[in-house]
Amino acid sequence: TNTLRSGWFVQNTTLNTIISVNEIGNPATSAGAVLLKYGDVFPP
């Protein structure tokens, strides 16, 4: 948690692997996580 954050991003850099991200504090393994394929960037 960082109330001074003005921005952030994450990019999946692993071939043939899905990375999940949850930006609302829930586990990234839970429903509602954003799935990133190789090269994908979140948030848009």
Full PDB file with SEQRES, HELIX, SHEET, SSBOND, CRYST1, ORIGX, SCALE, CONECT and MASTER records, all heavy atoms in Angstrom:
SEQRES   1 A   44  THR ASN THR LEU ARG SER GLY TRP PHE VAL GLN ASN THR          
SEQRES   2 A   44  THR LEU ASN THR ILE ILE SER VAL ASN GLU ILE GLY ASN          
SEQRES   3 A   44  PRO ALA THR SER ALA GLY ALA VAL LEU LEU LYS TYR GLY          
SEQRES   4 A   44  ASP VAL PHE PRO PRO                                          
SHEET    1 AA1 2 ILE A  19  VAL A  21  0                                        
SHEET    2 AA1 2 VAL A  34  LEU A  36 -1                                        
CRYST1    1.000    1.000    1.000  90.00  90.00  90.00 P 1           1          
ORIGX1      1.000000  0.000000  0.000000        0.00000                         
ORIGX2      0.000000  1.000000  0.000000        0.00000                         
ORIGX3      0.000000  0.000000  1.000000        0.00000                         
SCALE1      1.000000  0.000000  0.000000        0.00000                         
SCALE2      0.000000  1.000000  0.000000        0.00000                         
SCALE3      0.000000  0.000000  1.000000        0.00000                         
ATOM      1  N   THR A   1       0.844  -1.189   0.000  1.00  0.00           N  
ATOM      2  CA  THR A   1       0.000   0.000   0.000  1.00  0.00           C  
ATOM      3  C   THR A   1       0.884   1.244   0.000  1.00  0.00           C  
ATOM      4  O   THR A   1       1.859   1.317   0.743  1.00  0.00           O  
ATOM      5  CB  THR A   1      -0.914  -0.003   1.240  1.00  0.00           C  
ATOM      6  OG1 THR A   1      -1.768  -1.140   1.159  1.00  0.00           O  
ATOM      7  CG2 THR A   1      -1.752   1.258   1.325  1.00  0.00           C  
ATOM      8  N   ASN A   2       0.550   2.203  -0.872  1.00  0.00           N  
ATOM      9  CA  ASN A   2       1.335   3.427  -0.986  1.00  0.00           C  
ATOM     10  C   ASN A   2       0.395   4.555  -1.411  1.00  0.00           C  
ATOM     11  O   ASN A   2       0.087   4.696  -2.587  1.00  0.00           O  
ATOM     12  CB  ASN A   2       2.461   3.248  -2.005  1.00  0.00           C  
ATOM     13  CG  ASN A   2       3.308   4.480  -2.170  1.00  0.00           C  
ATOM     14  OD1 ASN A   2       3.031   5.535  -1.614  1.00  0.00           O  
ATOM     15  ND2 ASN A   2       4.368   4.349  -2.956  1.00  0.00           N  
ATOM     16  N   THR A   3      -0.050   5.342  -0.451  1.00  0.00           N  
ATOM     17  CA  THR A   3      -0.993   6.424  -0.759  1.00  0.00           C  
ATOM     18  C   THR A   3      -0.341   7.556  -1.555  1.00  0.00           C  
ATOM     19  O   THR A   3      -1.043   8.413  -2.081  1.00  0.00           O  
ATOM     20  CB  THR A   3      -1.619   6.999   0.525  1.00  0.00           C  
ATOM     21  OG1 THR A   3      -0.569   7.475   1.371  1.00  0.00           O  
ATOM     22  CG2 THR A   3      -2.437   5.937   1.252  1.00  0.00           C  
ATOM     23  N   LEU A   4       0.977   7.559  -1.676  1.00  0.00           N  
ATOM     24  CA  LEU A   4       1.679   8.571  -2.467  1.00  0.00           C  
ATOM     25  C   LEU A   4       1.968   8.095  -3.887  1.00  0.00           C  
ATOM     26  O   LEU A   4       2.545   8.843  -4.679  1.00  0.00           O  
ATOM     27  CB  LEU A   4       2.983   8.976  -1.776  1.00  0.00           C  
ATOM     28  CG  LEU A   4       2.825   9.573  -0.375  1.00  0.00           C  
ATOM     29  CD1 LEU A   4       4.191   9.872   0.230  1.00  0.00           C  
ATOM     30  CD2 LEU A   4       1.962  10.811  -0.418  1.00  0.00           C  
ATOM     31  N   ARG A   5       1.567   6.879  -4.221  1.00  0.00           N  
ATOM     32  CA  ARG A   5       1.824   6.327  -5.561  1.00  0.00           C  
ATOM     33  C   ARG A   5       1.085   7.148  -6.607  1.00  0.00           C  
ATOM     34  O   ARG A   5      -0.100   7.426  -6.473  1.00  0.00           O  
ATOM     35  CB  ARG A   5       1.348   4.875  -5.599  1.00  0.00           C  
ATOM     36  CG  ARG A   5       1.559   4.186  -6.932  1.00  0.00           C  
ATOM     37  CD  ARG A   5       0.989   2.764  -6.936  1.00  0.00           C  
ATOM     38  NE  ARG A   5       1.575   1.954  -5.889  1.00  0.00           N  
ATOM     39  CZ  ARG A   5       0.885   1.105  -5.130  1.00  0.00           C  
ATOM     40  NH1 ARG A   5      -0.420   0.950  -5.300  1.00  0.00           N  
ATOM     41  NH2 ARG A   5       1.492   0.401  -4.208  1.00  0.00           N  
ATOM     42  N   SER A   6       1.789   7.538  -7.660  1.00  0.00           N  
ATOM     43  CA  SER A   6       1.140   8.251  -8.758  1.00  0.00           C  
ATOM     44  C   SER A   6       1.048   7.392 -10.011  1.00  0.00           C  
ATOM     45  O   SER A   6       0.450   7.804 -10.996  1.00  0.00           O  
ATOM     46  CB  SER A   6       1.865   9.565  -9.060  1.00  0.00           C  
ATOM     47  OG  SER A   6       3.201   9.324  -9.444  1.00  0.00           O  
ATOM     48  N   GLY A   7       1.622   6.208  -9.978  1.00  0.00           N  
ATOM     49  CA  GLY A   7       1.511   5.297 -11.099  1.00  0.00           C  
ATOM     50  C   GLY A   7       2.325   4.036 -10.878  1.00  0.00           C  
ATOM     51  O   GLY A   7       3.182   3.972  -9.990  1.00  0.00           O  
ATOM     52  N   TRP A   8       2.048   3.025 -11.678  1.00  0.00           N  
ATOM     53  CA  TRP A   8       2.779   1.764 -11.631  1.00  0.00           C  
ATOM     54  C   TRP A   8       2.433   0.959 -12.877  1.00  0.00           C  
ATOM     55  O   TRP A   8       1.449   1.235 -13.547  1.00  0.00           O  
ATOM     56  CB  TRP A   8       2.442   0.965 -10.370  1.00  0.00           C  
ATOM     57  CG  TRP A   8       1.020   0.480 -10.319  1.00  0.00           C  
ATOM     58  CD1 TRP A   8      -0.061   1.190  -9.895  1.00  0.00           C  
ATOM     59  CD2 TRP A   8       0.520  -0.794 -10.735  1.00  0.00           C  
ATOM     60  NE1 TRP A   8      -1.201   0.445 -10.016  1.00  0.00           N  
ATOM     61  CE2 TRP A   8      -0.872  -0.790 -10.535  1.00  0.00           C  
ATOM     62  CE3 TRP A   8       1.116  -1.934 -11.248  1.00  0.00           C  
ATOM     63  CZ2 TRP A   8      -1.674  -1.880 -10.832  1.00  0.00           C  
ATOM     64  CZ3 TRP A   8       0.304  -3.026 -11.542  1.00  0.00           C  
ATOM     65  CH2 TRP A   8      -1.070  -2.992 -11.322  1.00  0.00           C  
ATOM     66  N   PHE A   9       3.261  -0.037 -13.184  1.00  0.00           N  
ATOM     67  CA  PHE A   9       2.929  -0.999 -14.234  1.00  0.00           C  
ATOM     68  C   PHE A   9       3.711  -2.277 -14.006  1.00  0.00           C  
ATOM     69  O   PHE A   9       4.721  -2.297 -13.300  1.00  0.00           O  
ATOM     70  CB  PHE A   9       3.190  -0.435 -15.642  1.00  0.00           C  
ATOM     71  CG  PHE A   9       4.642  -0.345 -16.021  1.00  0.00           C  
ATOM     72  CD1 PHE A   9       5.312  -1.441 -16.559  1.00  0.00           C  
ATOM     73  CD2 PHE A   9       5.342   0.828 -15.850  1.00  0.00           C  
ATOM     74  CE1 PHE A   9       6.660  -1.353 -16.904  1.00  0.00           C  
ATOM     75  CE2 PHE A   9       6.682   0.926 -16.203  1.00  0.00           C  
ATOM     76  CZ  PHE A   9       7.335  -0.175 -16.731  1.00  0.00           C  
ATOM     77  N   VAL A  10       3.207  -3.346 -14.607  1.00  0.00           N  
ATOM     78  CA  VAL A  10       3.895  -4.644 -14.585  1.00  0.00           C  
ATOM     79  C   VAL A  10       3.771  -5.264 -15.974  1.00  0.00           C  
ATOM     80  O   VAL A  10       2.739  -5.112 -16.633  1.00  0.00           O  
ATOM     81  CB  VAL A  10       3.334  -5.582 -13.488  1.00  0.00           C  
ATOM     82  CG1 VAL A  10       1.868  -5.888 -13.691  1.00  0.00           C  
ATOM     83  CG2 VAL A  10       4.149  -6.866 -13.402  1.00  0.00           C  
ATOM     84  N   GLN A  11       4.847  -5.928 -16.427  1.00  0.00           N  
ATOM     85  CA  GLN A  11       4.860  -6.609 -17.715  1.00  0.00           C  
ATOM     86  C   GLN A  11       5.341  -8.037 -17.518  1.00  0.00           C  
ATOM     87  O   GLN A  11       6.336  -8.285 -16.828  1.00  0.00           O  
ATOM     88  CB  GLN A  11       5.799  -5.904 -18.701  1.00  0.00           C  
ATOM     89  CG  GLN A  11       5.861  -6.593 -20.057  1.00  0.00           C  
ATOM     90  CD  GLN A  11       6.853  -5.943 -20.996  1.00  0.00           C  
ATOM     91  OE1 GLN A  11       7.893  -5.454 -20.589  1.00  0.00           O  
ATOM     92  NE2 GLN A  11       6.524  -5.946 -22.277  1.00  0.00           N  
ATOM     93  N   ASN A  12       4.635  -8.983 -18.135  1.00  0.00           N  
ATOM     94  CA  ASN A  12       5.051 -10.385 -18.116  1.00  0.00           C  
ATOM     95  C   ASN A  12       6.209 -10.552 -19.093  1.00  0.00           C  
ATOM     96  O   ASN A  12       6.074 -10.273 -20.281  1.00  0.00           O  
ATOM     97  CB  ASN A  12       3.880 -11.285 -18.510  1.00  0.00           C  
ATOM     98  CG  ASN A  12       4.252 -12.754 -18.522  1.00  0.00           C  
ATOM     99  OD1 ASN A  12       5.398 -13.138 -18.348  1.00  0.00           O  
ATOM    100  ND2 ASN A  12       3.250 -13.590 -18.735  1.00  0.00           N  
ATOM    101  N   THR A  13       7.353 -11.029 -18.608  1.00  0.00           N  
ATOM    102  CA  THR A  13       8.538 -11.208 -19.453  1.00  0.00           C  
ATOM    103  C   THR A  13       8.953 -12.671 -19.584  1.00  0.00           C  
ATOM    104  O   THR A  13      10.092 -12.963 -19.946  1.00  0.00           O  
ATOM    105  CB  THR A  13       9.717 -10.361 -18.920  1.00  0.00           C  
ATOM    106  OG1 THR A  13       9.989 -10.731 -17.566  1.00  0.00           O  
ATOM    107  CG2 THR A  13       9.409  -8.870 -19.000  1.00  0.00           C  
ATOM    108  N   THR A  14       8.033 -13.596 -19.320  1.00  0.00           N  
ATOM    109  CA  THR A  14       8.332 -15.022 -19.427  1.00  0.00           C  
ATOM    110  C   THR A  14       7.522 -15.648 -20.555  1.00  0.00           C  
ATOM    111  O   THR A  14       6.289 -15.590 -20.541  1.00  0.00           O  
ATOM    112  CB  THR A  14       8.022 -15.758 -18.105  1.00  0.00           C  
ATOM    113  OG1 THR A  14       8.754 -15.153 -17.045  1.00  0.00           O  
ATOM    114  CG2 THR A  14       8.410 -17.218 -18.188  1.00  0.00           C  
ATOM    115  N   LEU A  15       8.209 -16.242 -21.516  1.00  0.00           N  
ATOM    116  CA  LEU A  15       7.543 -16.917 -22.636  1.00  0.00           C  
ATOM    117  C   LEU A  15       6.665 -18.065 -22.152  1.00  0.00           C  
ATOM    118  O   LEU A  15       7.020 -18.765 -21.192  1.00  0.00           O  
ATOM    119  CB  LEU A  15       8.593 -17.488 -23.610  1.00  0.00           C  
ATOM    120  CG  LEU A  15       9.301 -16.486 -24.500  1.00  0.00           C  
ATOM    121  CD1 LEU A  15      10.458 -17.170 -25.238  1.00  0.00           C  
ATOM    122  CD2 LEU A  15       8.331 -15.874 -25.498  1.00  0.00           C  
ATOM    123  N   ASN A  16       5.543 -18.268 -22.816  1.00  0.00           N  
ATOM    124  CA  ASN A  16       4.652 -19.404 -22.575  1.00  0.00           C  
ATOM    125  C   ASN A  16       4.178 -19.529 -21.135  1.00  0.00           C  
ATOM    126  O   ASN A  16       3.934 -20.631 -20.650  1.00  0.00           O  
ATOM    127  CB  ASN A  16       5.327 -20.717 -23.013  1.00  0.00           C  
ATOM    128  CG  ASN A  16       5.754 -20.672 -24.456  1.00  0.00           C  
ATOM    129  OD1 ASN A  16       4.994 -20.243 -25.325  1.00  0.00           O  
ATOM    130  ND2 ASN A  16       6.977 -21.094 -24.732  1.00  0.00           N  
ATOM    131  N   THR A  17       4.060 -18.411 -20.455  1.00  0.00           N  
ATOM    132  CA  THR A  17       3.625 -18.412 -19.055  1.00  0.00           C  
ATOM    133  C   THR A  17       2.643 -17.275 -18.836  1.00  0.00           C  
ATOM    134  O   THR A  17       2.860 -16.163 -19.295  1.00  0.00           O  
ATOM    135  CB  THR A  17       4.839 -18.236 -18.116  1.00  0.00           C  
ATOM    136  OG1 THR A  17       5.733 -19.323 -18.312  1.00  0.00           O  
ATOM    137  CG2 THR A  17       4.419 -18.194 -16.665  1.00  0.00           C  
ATOM    138  N   ILE A  18       1.579 -17.559 -18.113  1.00  0.00           N  
ATOM    139  CA  ILE A  18       0.594 -16.547 -17.729  1.00  0.00           C  
ATOM    140  C   ILE A  18       0.953 -16.051 -16.331  1.00  0.00           C  
ATOM    141  O   ILE A  18       1.261 -16.841 -15.439  1.00  0.00           O  
ATOM    142  CB  ILE A  18      -0.843 -17.132 -17.717  1.00  0.00           C  
ATOM    143  CG1 ILE A  18      -1.222 -17.673 -19.086  1.00  0.00           C  
ATOM    144  CG2 ILE A  18      -1.845 -16.110 -17.197  1.00  0.00           C  
ATOM    145  CD1 ILE A  18      -1.406 -16.630 -20.152  1.00  0.00           C  
ATOM    146  N   ILE A  19       0.900 -14.735 -16.160  1.00  0.00           N  
ATOM    147  CA  ILE A  19       1.060 -14.124 -14.843  1.00  0.00           C  
ATOM    148  C   ILE A  19      -0.264 -13.448 -14.511  1.00  0.00           C  
ATOM    149  O   ILE A  19      -0.872 -12.805 -15.365  1.00  0.00           O  
ATOM    150  CB  ILE A  19       2.221 -13.109 -14.829  1.00  0.00           C  
ATOM    151  CG1 ILE A  19       3.559 -13.853 -14.883  1.00  0.00           C  
ATOM    152  CG2 ILE A  19       2.153 -12.202 -13.603  1.00  0.00           C  
ATOM    153  CD1 ILE A  19       4.775 -12.960 -14.866  1.00  0.00           C  
ATOM    154  N   SER A  20      -0.731 -13.621 -13.291  1.00  0.00           N  
ATOM    155  CA  SER A  20      -1.973 -12.966 -12.868  1.00  0.00           C  
ATOM    156  C   SER A  20      -1.642 -11.845 -11.888  1.00  0.00           C  
ATOM    157  O   SER A  20      -0.715 -11.948 -11.095  1.00  0.00           O  
ATOM    158  CB  SER A  20      -2.948 -13.972 -12.257  1.00  0.00           C  
ATOM    159  OG  SER A  20      -2.372 -14.617 -11.145  1.00  0.00           O  
ATOM    160  N   VAL A  21      -2.421 -10.770 -11.995  1.00  0.00           N  
ATOM    161  CA  VAL A  21      -2.213  -9.572 -11.173  1.00  0.00           C  
ATOM    162  C   VAL A  21      -3.551  -9.170 -10.573  1.00  0.00           C  
ATOM    163  O   VAL A  21      -4.569  -9.149 -11.260  1.00  0.00           O  
ATOM    164  CB  VAL A  21      -1.661  -8.406 -12.026  1.00  0.00           C  
ATOM    165  CG1 VAL A  21      -1.497  -7.151 -11.192  1.00  0.00           C  
ATOM    166  CG2 VAL A  21      -0.356  -8.788 -12.700  1.00  0.00           C  
ATOM    167  N   ASN A  22      -3.550  -8.847  -9.297  1.00  0.00           N  
ATOM    168  CA  ASN A  22      -4.751  -8.303  -8.663  1.00  0.00           C  
ATOM    169  C   ASN A  22      -4.372  -6.977  -8.036  1.00  0.00           C  
ATOM    170  O   ASN A  22      -3.546  -6.921  -7.125  1.00  0.00           O  
ATOM    171  CB  ASN A  22      -5.313  -9.254  -7.616  1.00  0.00           C  
ATOM    172  CG  ASN A  22      -6.677  -8.813  -7.174  1.00  0.00           C  
ATOM    173  OD1 ASN A  22      -6.833  -7.692  -6.696  1.00  0.00           O  
ATOM    174  ND2 ASN A  22      -7.671  -9.651  -7.338  1.00  0.00           N  
ATOM    175  N   GLU A  23      -4.958  -5.887  -8.568  1.00  0.00           N  
ATOM    176  CA  GLU A  23      -4.603  -4.531  -8.151  1.00  0.00           C  
ATOM    177  C   GLU A  23      -5.525  -3.964  -7.081  1.00  0.00           C  
ATOM    178  O   GLU A  23      -5.395  -2.799  -6.703  1.00  0.00           O  
ATOM    179  CB  GLU A  23      -4.567  -3.606  -9.376  1.00  0.00           C  
ATOM    180  CG  GLU A  23      -5.905  -3.104  -9.859  1.00  0.00           C  
ATOM    181  CD  GLU A  23      -6.785  -4.114 -10.573  1.00  0.00           C  
ATOM    182  OE1 GLU A  23      -6.496  -5.334 -10.580  1.00  0.00           O  
ATOM    183  OE2 GLU A  23      -7.808  -3.694 -11.118  1.00  0.00           O  
ATOM    184  N   ILE A  24      -6.442  -4.768  -6.561  1.00  0.00           N  
ATOM    185  CA  ILE A  24      -7.364  -4.259  -5.539  1.00  0.00           C  
ATOM    186  C   ILE A  24      -7.158  -4.932  -4.180  1.00  0.00           C  
ATOM    187  O   ILE A  24      -8.046  -4.955  -3.352  1.00  0.00           O  
ATOM    188  CB  ILE A  24      -8.835  -4.355  -6.008  1.00  0.00           C  
ATOM    189  CG1 ILE A  24      -9.228  -5.789  -6.368  1.00  0.00           C  
ATOM    190  CG2 ILE A  24      -9.079  -3.419  -7.180  1.00  0.00           C  
ATOM    191  CD1 ILE A  24     -10.694  -5.966  -6.685  1.00  0.00           C  
ATOM    192  N   GLY A  25      -5.954  -5.476  -3.980  1.00  0.00           N  
ATOM    193  CA  GLY A  25      -5.593  -6.017  -2.672  1.00  0.00           C  
ATOM    194  C   GLY A  25      -5.907  -7.477  -2.452  1.00  0.00           C  
ATOM    195  O   GLY A  25      -5.483  -8.043  -1.458  1.00  0.00           O  
ATOM    196  N   ASN A  26      -6.648  -8.098  -3.356  1.00  0.00           N  
ATOM    197  CA  ASN A  26      -6.976  -9.516  -3.206  1.00  0.00           C  
ATOM    198  C   ASN A  26      -5.825 -10.380  -3.727  1.00  0.00           C  
ATOM    199  O   ASN A  26      -4.997  -9.918  -4.509  1.00  0.00           O  
ATOM    200  CB  ASN A  26      -8.255  -9.851  -3.976  1.00  0.00           C  
ATOM    201  CG  ASN A  26      -9.456  -9.137  -3.408  1.00  0.00           C  
ATOM    202  OD1 ASN A  26      -9.517  -8.847  -2.218  1.00  0.00           O  
ATOM    203  ND2 ASN A  26     -10.415  -8.812  -4.257  1.00  0.00           N  
ATOM    204  N   PRO A  27      -5.794 -11.663  -3.336  1.00  0.00           N  
ATOM    205  CA  PRO A  27      -4.757 -12.544  -3.868  1.00  0.00           C  
ATOM    206  C   PRO A  27      -4.836 -12.627  -5.393  1.00  0.00           C  
ATOM    207  O   PRO A  27      -5.926 -12.602  -5.964  1.00  0.00           O  
ATOM    208  CB  PRO A  27      -5.072 -13.900  -3.233  1.00  0.00           C  
ATOM    209  CG  PRO A  27      -5.861 -13.576  -2.004  1.00  0.00           C  
ATOM    210  CD  PRO A  27      -6.649 -12.340  -2.354  1.00  0.00           C  
ATOM    211  N   ALA A  28      -3.684 -12.734  -6.029  1.00  0.00           N  
ATOM    212  CA  ALA A  28      -3.645 -12.823  -7.486  1.00  0.00           C  
ATOM    213  C   ALA A  28      -4.122 -14.183  -7.981  1.00  0.00           C  
ATOM    214  O   ALA A  28      -4.304 -14.384  -9.169  1.00  0.00           O  
ATOM    215  CB  ALA A  28      -2.234 -12.546  -7.990  1.00  0.00           C  
ATOM    216  N   THR A  29      -4.357 -15.102  -7.066  1.00  0.00           N  
ATOM    217  CA  THR A  29      -4.884 -16.420  -7.415  1.00  0.00           C  
ATOM    218  C   THR A  29      -6.406 -16.465  -7.321  1.00  0.00           C  
ATOM    219  O   THR A  29      -7.008 -17.501  -7.589  1.00  0.00           O  
ATOM    220  CB  THR A  29      -4.278 -17.493  -6.484  1.00  0.00           C  
ATOM    221  OG1 THR A  29      -4.468 -17.070  -5.122  1.00  0.00           O  
ATOM    222  CG2 THR A  29      -2.785 -17.671  -6.747  1.00  0.00           C  
ATOM    223  N   SER A  30      -7.036 -15.364  -6.944  1.00  0.00           N  
ATOM    224  CA  SER A  30      -8.488 -15.344  -6.770  1.00  0.00           C  
ATOM    225  C   SER A  30      -9.193 -14.876  -8.040  1.00  0.00           C  
ATOM    226  O   SER A  30      -8.577 -14.320  -8.959  1.00  0.00           O  
ATOM    227  CB  SER A  30      -8.870 -14.426  -5.603  1.00  0.00           C  
ATOM    228  OG  SER A  30      -8.521 -13.092  -5.878  1.00  0.00           O  
ATOM    229  N   ALA A  31     -10.504 -15.103  -8.075  1.00  0.00           N  
ATOM    230  CA  ALA A  31     -11.310 -14.634  -9.206  1.00  0.00           C  
ATOM    231  C   ALA A  31     -11.177 -13.128  -9.322  1.00  0.00           C  
ATOM    232  O   ALA A  31     -11.064 -12.416  -8.331  1.00  0.00           O  
ATOM    233  CB  ALA A  31     -12.774 -15.019  -8.995  1.00  0.00           C  
ATOM    234  N   GLY A  32     -11.157 -12.644 -10.547  1.00  0.00           N  
ATOM    235  CA  GLY A  32     -11.045 -11.217 -10.785  1.00  0.00           C  
ATOM    236  C   GLY A  32      -9.631 -10.745 -11.059  1.00  0.00           C  
ATOM    237  O   GLY A  32      -9.422  -9.575 -11.371  1.00  0.00           O  
ATOM    238  N   ALA A  33      -8.649 -11.630 -10.949  1.00  0.00           N  
ATOM    239  CA  ALA A  33      -7.278 -11.250 -11.269  1.00  0.00           C  
ATOM    240  C   ALA A  33      -7.154 -11.038 -12.779  1.00  0.00           C  
ATOM    241  O   ALA A  33      -7.833 -11.674 -13.573  1.00  0.00           O  
ATOM    242  CB  ALA A  33      -6.300 -12.319 -10.799  1.00  0.00           C  
ATOM    243  N   VAL A  34      -6.281 -10.126 -13.169  1.00  0.00           N  
ATOM    244  CA  VAL A  34      -6.011  -9.842 -14.578  1.00  0.00           C  
ATOM    245  C   VAL A  34      -4.926 -10.805 -15.049  1.00  0.00           C  
ATOM    246  O   VAL A  34      -3.899 -10.964 -14.382  1.00  0.00           O  
ATOM    247  CB  VAL A  34      -5.548  -8.380 -14.750  1.00  0.00           C  
ATOM    248  CG1 VAL A  34      -5.171  -8.096 -16.187  1.00  0.00           C  
ATOM    249  CG2 VAL A  34      -6.626  -7.427 -14.270  1.00  0.00           C  
ATOM    250  N   LEU A  35      -5.151 -11.452 -16.196  1.00  0.00           N  
ATOM    251  CA  LEU A  35      -4.187 -12.421 -16.723  1.00  0.00           C  
ATOM    252  C   LEU A  35      -3.333 -11.770 -17.802  1.00  0.00           C  
ATOM    253  O   LEU A  35      -3.853 -11.172 -18.744  1.00  0.00           O  
ATOM    254  CB  LEU A  35      -4.921 -13.636 -17.296  1.00  0.00           C  
ATOM    255  CG  LEU A  35      -5.852 -14.354 -16.315  1.00  0.00           C  
ATOM    256  CD1 LEU A  35      -6.530 -15.529 -17.000  1.00  0.00           C  
ATOM    257  CD2 LEU A  35      -5.081 -14.821 -15.080  1.00  0.00           C  
ATOM    258  N   LEU A  36      -2.018 -11.914 -17.655  1.00  0.00           N  
ATOM    259  CA  LEU A  36      -1.072 -11.322 -18.598  1.00  0.00           C  
ATOM    260  C   LEU A  36      -0.307 -12.414 -19.331  1.00  0.00           C  
ATOM    261  O   LEU A  36       0.367 -13.228 -18.695  1.00  0.00           O  
ATOM    262  CB  LEU A  36      -0.069 -10.426 -17.868  1.00  0.00           C  
ATOM    263  CG  LEU A  36      -0.618  -9.280 -17.036  1.00  0.00           C  
ATOM    264  CD1 LEU A  36       0.524  -8.533 -16.366  1.00  0.00           C  
ATOM    265  CD2 LEU A  36      -1.444  -8.349 -17.898  1.00  0.00           C  
ATOM    266  N   LYS A  37      -0.397 -12.414 -20.658  1.00  0.00           N  
ATOM    267  CA  LYS A  37       0.425 -13.295 -21.474  1.00  0.00           C  
ATOM    268  C   LYS A  37       1.795 -12.644 -21.638  1.00  0.00           C  
ATOM    269  O   LYS A  37       1.982 -11.482 -21.280  1.00  0.00           O  
ATOM    270  CB  LYS A  37      -0.219 -13.526 -22.846  1.00  0.00           C  
ATOM    271  CG  LYS A  37      -1.572 -14.210 -22.771  1.00  0.00           C  
ATOM    272  CD  LYS A  37      -2.178 -14.353 -24.147  1.00  0.00           C  
ATOM    273  CE  LYS A  37      -2.605 -12.979 -24.611  1.00  0.00           C  
ATOM    274  NZ  LYS A  37      -3.376 -12.907 -25.813  1.00  0.00           N  
ATOM    275  N   TYR A  38       2.724 -13.370 -22.233  1.00  0.00           N  
ATOM    276  CA  TYR A  38       4.067 -12.839 -22.482  1.00  0.00           C  
ATOM    277  C   TYR A  38       3.974 -11.502 -23.209  1.00  0.00           C  
ATOM    278  O   TYR A  38       3.292 -11.374 -24.218  1.00  0.00           O  
ATOM    279  CB  TYR A  38       4.879 -13.830 -23.309  1.00  0.00           C  
ATOM    280  CG  TYR A  38       6.205 -13.272 -23.776  1.00  0.00           C  
ATOM    281  CD1 TYR A  38       7.238 -13.104 -22.869  1.00  0.00           C  
ATOM    282  CD2 TYR A  38       6.394 -12.900 -25.091  1.00  0.00           C  
ATOM    283  CE1 TYR A  38       8.453 -12.586 -23.279  1.00  0.00           C  
ATOM    284  CE2 TYR A  38       7.603 -12.370 -25.516  1.00  0.00           C  
ATOM    285  CZ  TYR A  38       8.631 -12.221 -24.602  1.00  0.00           C  
ATOM    286  OH  TYR A  38       9.825 -11.700 -25.013  1.00  0.00           O  
ATOM    287  N   GLY A  39       4.636 -10.489 -22.669  1.00  0.00           N  
ATOM    288  CA  GLY A  39       4.673  -9.163 -23.281  1.00  0.00           C  
ATOM    289  C   GLY A  39       3.554  -8.234 -22.867  1.00  0.00           C  
ATOM    290  O   GLY A  39       3.648  -7.023 -23.078  1.00  0.00           O  
ATOM    291  N   ASP A  40       2.470  -8.774 -22.293  1.00  0.00           N  
ATOM    292  CA  ASP A  40       1.360  -7.926 -21.869  1.00  0.00           C  
ATOM    293  C   ASP A  40       1.783  -7.001 -20.725  1.00  0.00           C  
ATOM    294  O   ASP A  40       2.587  -7.378 -19.867  1.00  0.00           O  
ATOM    295  CB  ASP A  40       0.171  -8.759 -21.392  1.00  0.00           C  
ATOM    296  CG  ASP A  40      -0.591  -9.429 -22.523  1.00  0.00           C  
ATOM    297  OD1 ASP A  40      -0.327  -9.117 -23.701  1.00  0.00           O  
ATOM    298  OD2 ASP A  40      -1.456 -10.277 -22.209  1.00  0.00           O  
ATOM    299  N   VAL A  41       1.184  -5.802 -20.706  1.00  0.00           N  
ATOM    300  CA  VAL A  41       1.441  -4.805 -19.672  1.00  0.00           C  
ATOM    301  C   VAL A  41       0.115  -4.434 -19.020  1.00  0.00           C  
ATOM    302  O   VAL A  41      -0.903  -4.286 -19.689  1.00  0.00           O  
ATOM    303  CB  VAL A  41       2.092  -3.539 -20.278  1.00  0.00           C  
ATOM    304  CG1 VAL A  41       2.267  -2.453 -19.218  1.00  0.00           C  
ATOM    305  CG2 VAL A  41       3.430  -3.873 -20.922  1.00  0.00           C  
ATOM    306  N   PHE A  42       0.139  -4.279 -17.699  1.00  0.00           N  
ATOM    307  CA  PHE A  42      -1.030  -3.834 -16.950  1.00  0.00           C  
ATOM    308  C   PHE A  42      -0.557  -2.815 -15.925  1.00  0.00           C  
ATOM    309  O   PHE A  42       0.514  -2.985 -15.356  1.00  0.00           O  
ATOM    310  CB  PHE A  42      -1.702  -5.024 -16.241  1.00  0.00           C  
ATOM    311  CG  PHE A  42      -2.957  -4.633 -15.513  1.00  0.00           C  
ATOM    312  CD1 PHE A  42      -4.141  -4.463 -16.207  1.00  0.00           C  
ATOM    313  CD2 PHE A  42      -2.939  -4.413 -14.151  1.00  0.00           C  
ATOM    314  CE1 PHE A  42      -5.306  -4.082 -15.548  1.00  0.00           C  
ATOM    315  CE2 PHE A  42      -4.087  -4.034 -13.483  1.00  0.00           C  
ATOM    316  CZ  PHE A  42      -5.270  -3.873 -14.189  1.00  0.00           C  
ATOM    317  N   PRO A  43      -1.303  -1.775 -15.651  1.00  0.00           N  
ATOM    318  CA  PRO A  43      -2.586  -1.404 -16.220  1.00  0.00           C  
ATOM    319  C   PRO A  43      -2.410  -0.674 -17.551  1.00  0.00           C  
ATOM    320  O   PRO A  43      -1.335  -0.146 -17.839  1.00  0.00           O  
ATOM    321  CB  PRO A  43      -3.194  -0.474 -15.170  1.00  0.00           C  
ATOM    322  CG  PRO A  43      -2.019   0.147 -14.493  1.00  0.00           C  
ATOM    323  CD  PRO A  43      -0.929  -0.891 -14.523  1.00  0.00           C  
ATOM    324  N   PRO A  44      -3.501  -0.608 -18.326  1.00  0.00           N  
ATOM    325  CA  PRO A  44      -3.441   0.119 -19.596  1.00  0.00           C  
ATOM    326  C   PRO A  44      -3.444   1.630 -19.358  1.00  0.00           C  
ATOM    327  O   PRO A  44      -3.825   2.093 -18.285  1.00  0.00           O  
ATOM    328  CB  PRO A  44      -4.726  -0.326 -20.301  1.00  0.00           C  
ATOM    329  CG  PRO A  44      -5.664  -0.666 -19.194  1.00  0.00           C  
ATOM    330  CD  PRO A  44      -4.803  -1.226 -18.086  1.00  0.00           C  
TER     331      PRO A  44                                                      
MASTER        0    0    0    0    2    0    0    6  330    1    0    4          
END                                                                             
